[in-house]
C-alpha atoms as a PDB file:
ATOM      1  CA  MET A   1      38.043 122.533  98.233  1.00  0.00           C
ATOM      2  CA  ASN A   2      40.733 122.133 100.789  1.00  0.00           C
ATOM      3  CA  ASP A   3      44.421 122.786 100.068  1.00  0.00           C
ATOM      4  CA  LYS A   4      45.311 119.092  99.765  1.00  0.00           C
ATOM      5  CA  LYS A   5      42.705 118.477  97.014  1.00  0.00           C
ATOM      6  CA  LYS A   6      43.785 121.641  95.144  1.00  0.00           C
ATOM      7  CA  THR A   7      47.393 120.368  95.110  1.00  0.00           C
ATOM      8  CA  GLU A   8      46.323 116.925  93.842  1.00  0.00           C
ATOM      9  CA  VAL A   9      44.221 118.435  91.039  1.00  0.00           C
ATOM     10  CA  ALA A  10      47.077 120.761  89.976  1.00  0.00           C
ATOM     11  CA  THR A  11      49.508 117.824  89.946  1.00  0.00           C
ATOM     12  CA  GLU A  12      47.132 115.745  87.796  1.00  0.00           C
ATOM     13  CA  LYS A  13      46.789 118.585  85.280  1.00  0.00           C
ATOM     14  CA  LYS A  14      50.574 118.961  85.025  1.00  0.00           C
ATOM     15  CA  ALA A  15      51.019 115.214  84.638  1.00  0.00           C
ATOM     16  CA  LYS A  16      48.511 115.053  81.761  1.00  0.00           C
ATOM     17  CA  GLY A  17      50.496 117.664  79.791  1.00  0.00           C
ATOM     18  CA  MET A  18      53.786 115.752  80.099  1.00  0.00           C
ATOM     19  CA  GLN A  19      54.706 112.750  78.000  1.00  0.00           C
ATOM     20  CA  LYS A  20      56.449 109.758  79.430  1.00  0.00           C
ATOM     21  CA  ALA A  21      59.699 108.710  77.836  1.00  0.00           C
ATOM     22  CA  ALA A  22      59.791 105.314  76.176  1.00  0.00           C
ATOM     23  CA  PRO A  23      61.700 102.777  78.244  1.00  0.00           C
ATOM     24  CA  VAL A  24      65.219 102.124  77.043  1.00  0.00           C
ATOM     25  CA  SER A  25      66.362  98.539  76.916  1.00  0.00           C
ATOM     26  CA  LEU A  26      69.539  98.057  78.880  1.00  0.00           C
ATOM     27  CA  PHE A  27      70.019  94.616  77.398  1.00  0.00           C
ATOM     28  CA  SER A  28      71.332  93.789  73.996  1.00  0.00           C
ATOM     29  CA  PRO A  29      71.808  90.390  72.384  1.00  0.00           C
ATOM     30  CA  PHE A  30      75.542  90.699  73.042  1.00  0.00           C
ATOM     31  CA  ASN A  31      75.312  91.164  76.836  1.00  0.00           C
ATOM     32  CA  ASP A  32      74.849  87.436  77.448  1.00  0.00           C
ATOM     33  CA  MET A  33      77.847  86.616  75.281  1.00  0.00           C
ATOM     34  CA  ASP A  34      79.998  89.245  77.049  1.00  0.00           C
ATOM     35  CA  SER A  35      78.975  87.890  80.463  1.00  0.00           C
ATOM     36  CA  TRP A  36      79.816  84.351  79.369  1.00  0.00           C
ATOM     37  CA  PHE A  37      83.336  85.387  78.294  1.00  0.00           C
ATOM     38  CA  GLU A  38      83.903  87.434  81.467  1.00  0.00           C
ATOM     39  CA  ASP A  39      82.919  84.442  83.623  1.00  0.00           C
ATOM     40  CA  ARG A  40      85.142  81.941  81.833  1.00  0.00           C
ATOM     41  CA  PHE A  41      88.243  83.985  81.031  1.00  0.00           C
ATOM     42  CA  PRO A  42      89.992  86.200  83.612  1.00  0.00           C
ATOM     43  CA  ALA A  43      90.636  89.846  82.747  1.00  0.00           C
ATOM     44  CA  THR A  44      94.379  89.268  82.367  1.00  0.00           C
ATOM     45  CA  MET A  45      93.770  86.588  79.739  1.00  0.00           C
ATOM     46  CA  ARG A  46      91.182  88.627  77.810  1.00  0.00           C
ATOM     47  CA  ARG A  47      93.535  91.609  77.773  1.00  0.00           C
ATOM     48  CA  ARG A  48      95.931  89.688  75.517  1.00  0.00           C
ATOM     49  CA  PHE A  49      93.305  89.579  72.787  1.00  0.00           C
ATOM     50  CA  TYR A  50      93.109  93.358  72.850  1.00  0.00           C
ATOM     51  CA  GLY A  51      96.892  93.802  72.602  1.00  0.00           C
ATOM     52  CA  ASN A  52      97.411  94.721  76.271  1.00  0.00           C
ATOM     53  CA  TRP A  53      99.470  92.609  78.608  1.00  0.00           C
ATOM     54  CA  PRO A  54      99.211  92.500  82.400  1.00  0.00           C
ATOM     55  CA  ARG A  55     100.572  95.585  84.070  1.00  0.00           C
ATOM     56  CA  PHE A  56     103.332  95.446  86.669  1.00  0.00           C
ATOM     57  CA  SER A  57     100.824  96.529  89.326  1.00  0.00           C
ATOM     58  CA  GLU A  58      98.854  93.310  88.803  1.00  0.00           C
ATOM     59  CA  PHE A  59     101.681  91.181  90.118  1.00  0.00           C
ATOM     60  CA  LYS A  60     101.090  90.559  93.800  1.00  0.00           C
ATOM     61  CA  ALA A  61     104.765  90.515  94.726  1.00  0.00           C
ATOM     62  CA  PHE A  62     105.322  94.288  94.698  1.00  0.00           C
ATOM     63  CA  LYS A  63     101.784  95.138  95.837  1.00  0.00           C
ATOM     64  CA  GLY A  64     101.808  98.360  93.904  1.00  0.00           C
ATOM     65  CA  ARG A  65     103.558  99.886  90.986  1.00  0.00           C
ATOM     66  CA  MET A  66     106.932 101.017  89.833  1.00  0.00           C
ATOM     67  CA  PRO A  67     107.924 103.876  92.090  1.00  0.00           C
ATOM     68  CA  SER A  68     107.116 107.281  90.720  1.00  0.00           C
ATOM     69  CA  VAL A  69     110.119 109.590  90.780  1.00  0.00           C
ATOM     70  CA  ASP A  70     110.063 113.386  90.640  1.00  0.00           C
ATOM     71  CA  VAL A  71     113.189 115.375  89.779  1.00  0.00           C
ATOM     72  CA  ILE A  72     113.120 119.066  90.651  1.00  0.00           C
ATOM     73  CA  ASP A  73     115.825 121.255  89.123  1.00  0.00           C
ATOM     74  CA  ARG A  74     116.863 124.035  91.495  1.00  0.00           C
ATOM     75  CA  ASP A  75     119.650 126.601  91.091  1.00  0.00           C
ATOM     76  CA  LYS A  76     122.292 124.786  93.164  1.00  0.00           C
ATOM     77  CA  GLU A  77     120.879 121.269  93.456  1.00  0.00           C
ATOM     78  CA  PHE A  78     118.491 118.621  92.212  1.00  0.00           C
ATOM     79  CA  HIS A  79     115.761 117.395  94.516  1.00  0.00           C
ATOM     80  CA  VAL A  80     114.703 113.788  93.830  1.00  0.00           C
ATOM     81  CA  ARG A  81     111.558 112.421  95.439  1.00  0.00           C
ATOM     82  CA  ALA A  82     110.425 108.794  95.066  1.00  0.00           C
ATOM     83  CA  GLU A  83     107.308 107.192  96.514  1.00  0.00           C
ATOM     84  CA  ILE A  84     108.116 103.644  97.608  1.00  0.00           C
ATOM     85  CA  PRO A  85     105.325 102.364  99.879  1.00  0.00           C
ATOM     86  CA  GLY A  86     105.768  99.020 101.625  1.00  0.00           C
ATOM     87  CA  VAL A  87     109.560  99.006 101.329  1.00  0.00           C
ATOM     88  CA  GLU A  88     111.754  99.136 104.404  1.00  0.00           C
ATOM     89  CA  LYS A  89     114.876 101.291 104.647  1.00  0.00           C
ATOM     90  CA  LYS A  90     117.155  98.263 104.928  1.00  0.00           C
ATOM     91  CA  ASP A  91     115.827  96.867 101.632  1.00  0.00           C
ATOM     92  CA  LEU A  92     116.780  99.958  99.591  1.00  0.00           C
ATOM     93  CA  ASP A  93     119.899 100.294  97.475  1.00  0.00           C
ATOM     94  CA  ILE A  94     120.554 103.798  96.137  1.00  0.00           C
ATOM     95  CA  SER A  95     123.424 104.823  93.900  1.00  0.00           C
ATOM     96  CA  VAL A  96     124.293 108.132  92.270  1.00  0.00           C
ATOM     97  CA  THR A  97     126.641 108.696  89.353  1.00  0.00           C
ATOM     98  CA  GLU A  98     127.652 112.046  87.881  1.00  0.00           C
ATOM     99  CA  ASP A  99     124.437 112.227  85.839  1.00  0.00           C
ATOM    100  CA  SER A 100     121.952 109.620  87.127  1.00  0.00           C
ATOM    101  CA  VAL A 101     120.243 108.157  90.181  1.00  0.00           C
ATOM    102  CA  SER A 102     119.399 104.462  90.581  1.00  0.00           C
ATOM    103  CA  ILE A 103     116.969 103.183  93.181  1.00  0.00           C
ATOM    104  CA  LYS A 104     116.640  99.452  93.771  1.00  0.00           C
ATOM    105  CA  GLY A 105     114.592  97.690  96.376  1.00  0.00           C
ATOM    106  CA  CYS A 106     112.867  94.508  97.306  1.00  0.00           C
ATOM    107  CA  VAL A 107     109.615  93.744  99.036  1.00  0.00           C
ATOM    108  CA  LYS A 108     108.909  90.665 101.082  1.00  0.00           C
ATOM    109  CA  HIS A 109     105.421  89.943 102.290  1.00  0.00           C
ATOM    110  CA  GLU A 110     104.341  87.079 104.495  1.00  0.00           C
ATOM    111  CA  GLU A 111     100.863  86.495 105.835  1.00  0.00           C
ATOM    112  CA  LYS A 112      99.916  83.760 108.291  1.00  0.00           C
ATOM    113  CA  GLU A 113      96.568  82.770 109.703  1.00  0.00           C
ATOM    114  CA  GLU A 114      96.002  79.933 112.128  1.00  0.00           C
ATOM    115  CA  ARG A 115      92.673  78.961 113.695  1.00  0.00           C
ATOM    116  CA  GLY A 116      92.241  75.508 115.188  1.00  0.00           C
ATOM    117  CA  GLU A 117      92.996  72.994 112.463  1.00  0.00           C
ATOM    118  CA  TYR A 118      92.977  75.698 109.806  1.00  0.00           C
ATOM    119  CA  TYR A 119      96.367  77.054 108.721  1.00  0.00           C
ATOM    120  CA  ARG A 120      96.997  79.484 105.864  1.00  0.00           C
ATOM    121  CA  ARG A 121     100.322  80.988 104.868  1.00  0.00           C
ATOM    122  CA  GLU A 122     101.010  83.228 101.899  1.00  0.00           C
ATOM    123  CA  THR A 123     104.379  84.610 100.963  1.00  0.00           C
ATOM    124  CA  SER A 124     105.331  86.833  98.098  1.00  0.00           C
ATOM    125  CA  SER A 125     108.392  88.802  97.172  1.00  0.00           C
ATOM    126  CA  GLY A 126     109.428  91.078  94.394  1.00  0.00           C
ATOM    127  CA  SER A 127     111.976  93.644  93.437  1.00  0.00           C
ATOM    128  CA  PHE A 128     112.111  96.832  91.437  1.00  0.00           C
ATOM    129  CA  SER A 129     114.757  99.017  89.883  1.00  0.00           C
ATOM    130  CA  ARG A 130     114.356 102.561  88.661  1.00  0.00           C
ATOM    131  CA  SER A 131     117.056 104.751  87.100  1.00  0.00           C
ATOM    132  CA  VAL A 132     116.601 108.418  86.301  1.00  0.00           C
ATOM    133  CA  THR A 133     118.944 110.524  84.211  1.00  0.00           C
ATOM    134  CA  LEU A 134     119.596 113.904  85.792  1.00  0.00           C
ATOM    135  CA  PRO A 135     119.592 116.999  83.581  1.00  0.00           C
ATOM    136  CA  GLY A 136     123.107 118.014  84.664  1.00  0.00           C
ATOM    137  CA  LYS A 137     126.323 116.882  86.336  1.00  0.00           C
ATOM    138  CA  VAL A 138     126.229 116.384  90.113  1.00  0.00           C
ATOM    139  CA  ASP A 139     128.623 115.937  93.018  1.00  0.00           C
ATOM    140  CA  SER A 140     127.825 112.388  94.152  1.00  0.00           C
ATOM    141  CA  SER A 141     129.959 112.701  97.303  1.00  0.00           C
ATOM    142  CA  LYS A 142     127.637 115.296  98.893  1.00  0.00           C
ATOM    143  CA  VAL A 143     124.242 113.621  98.423  1.00  0.00           C
ATOM    144  CA  LYS A 144     121.804 113.760 101.346  1.00  0.00           C
ATOM    145  CA  ALA A 145     118.968 111.245 101.510  1.00  0.00           C
ATOM    146  CA  THR A 146     116.079 110.685 103.911  1.00  0.00           C
ATOM    147  CA  PHE A 147     113.453 107.943 103.929  1.00  0.00           C
ATOM    148  CA  LYS A 148     110.282 108.381 105.946  1.00  0.00           C
ATOM    149  CA  ASP A 149     106.787 106.889 105.586  1.00  0.00           C
ATOM    150  CA  GLY A 150     107.567 105.306 102.225  1.00  0.00           C
ATOM    151  CA  VAL A 151     108.938 108.506 100.673  1.00  0.00           C
ATOM    152  CA  LEU A 152     112.591 108.799  99.666  1.00  0.00           C
ATOM    153  CA  GLU A 153     113.896 112.368  99.326  1.00  0.00           C
ATOM    154  CA  MET A 154     117.359 113.175  98.061  1.00  0.00           C
ATOM    155  CA  THR A 155     119.187 116.464  97.717  1.00  0.00           C
ATOM    156  CA  ILE A 156     121.952 116.215  95.135  1.00  0.00           C
ATOM    157  CA  PRO A 157     124.229 119.265  94.696  1.00  0.00           C
ATOM    158  CA  LYS A 158     125.180 120.307  91.181  1.00  0.00           C
ATOM    159  CA  VAL A 159     128.814 120.512  90.102  1.00  0.00           C
ATOM    160  CA  LYS A 160     128.177 123.841  88.417  1.00  0.00           C
ATOM    161  CA  GLU A 161     125.360 126.139  89.480  1.00  0.00           C
ATOM    162  CA  SER A 162     122.921 126.803  86.681  1.00  0.00           C
ATOM    163  CA  LYS A 163     121.751 130.336  86.152  1.00  0.00           C
ATOM    164  CA  ARG A 164     118.195 130.840  85.065  1.00  0.00           C
ATOM    165  CA  LYS A 165     117.514 133.276  82.307  1.00  0.00           C
ATOM    166  CA  LYS A 166     114.060 134.526  81.435  1.00  0.00           C
ATOM    167  CA  ILE A 167     113.228 134.151  77.762  1.00  0.00           C
ATOM    168  CA  SER A 168     110.597 136.291  76.124  1.00  0.00           C
ATOM    169  CA  VAL A 169     108.500 134.703  73.408  1.00  0.00           C
ATOM    170  CA  GLU A 170     107.996 136.762  70.236  1.00  0.00           C
END
């Protein structure tokens, strides 16, 4: 026998010793009902039945989410970093008190498309406001802020420098 026939015979012998798994049905009697509900009721409406309401990110006006804000506590200062994509520098309003930072902004989006007799125009706008309490008192007159590529970074000096002390756990 040639090598090809030997391989085929060996494969057949191995196949005879193995059992095939029974096919699993991927369909249940409830799949049709689920599909019917999904087709007729949008996800935002169905979510109300489960106790969840539409999230802020589902509103088209802000095209995103509430800005995430990180506060880093350093020895002499706090470093605040906020991701605010799609917002322009002129649309930001930042204020600092002795123990908090407030970031407000607005987003305006306009989209136009014109081809022959076809004209489409969509506009949306939205605003957000985020306040963060700082873990200590700060000097609001010496705050430095930069905004580049949708990322706001602020350095806020502390009124009193905090000294770190290592604590051993018993």
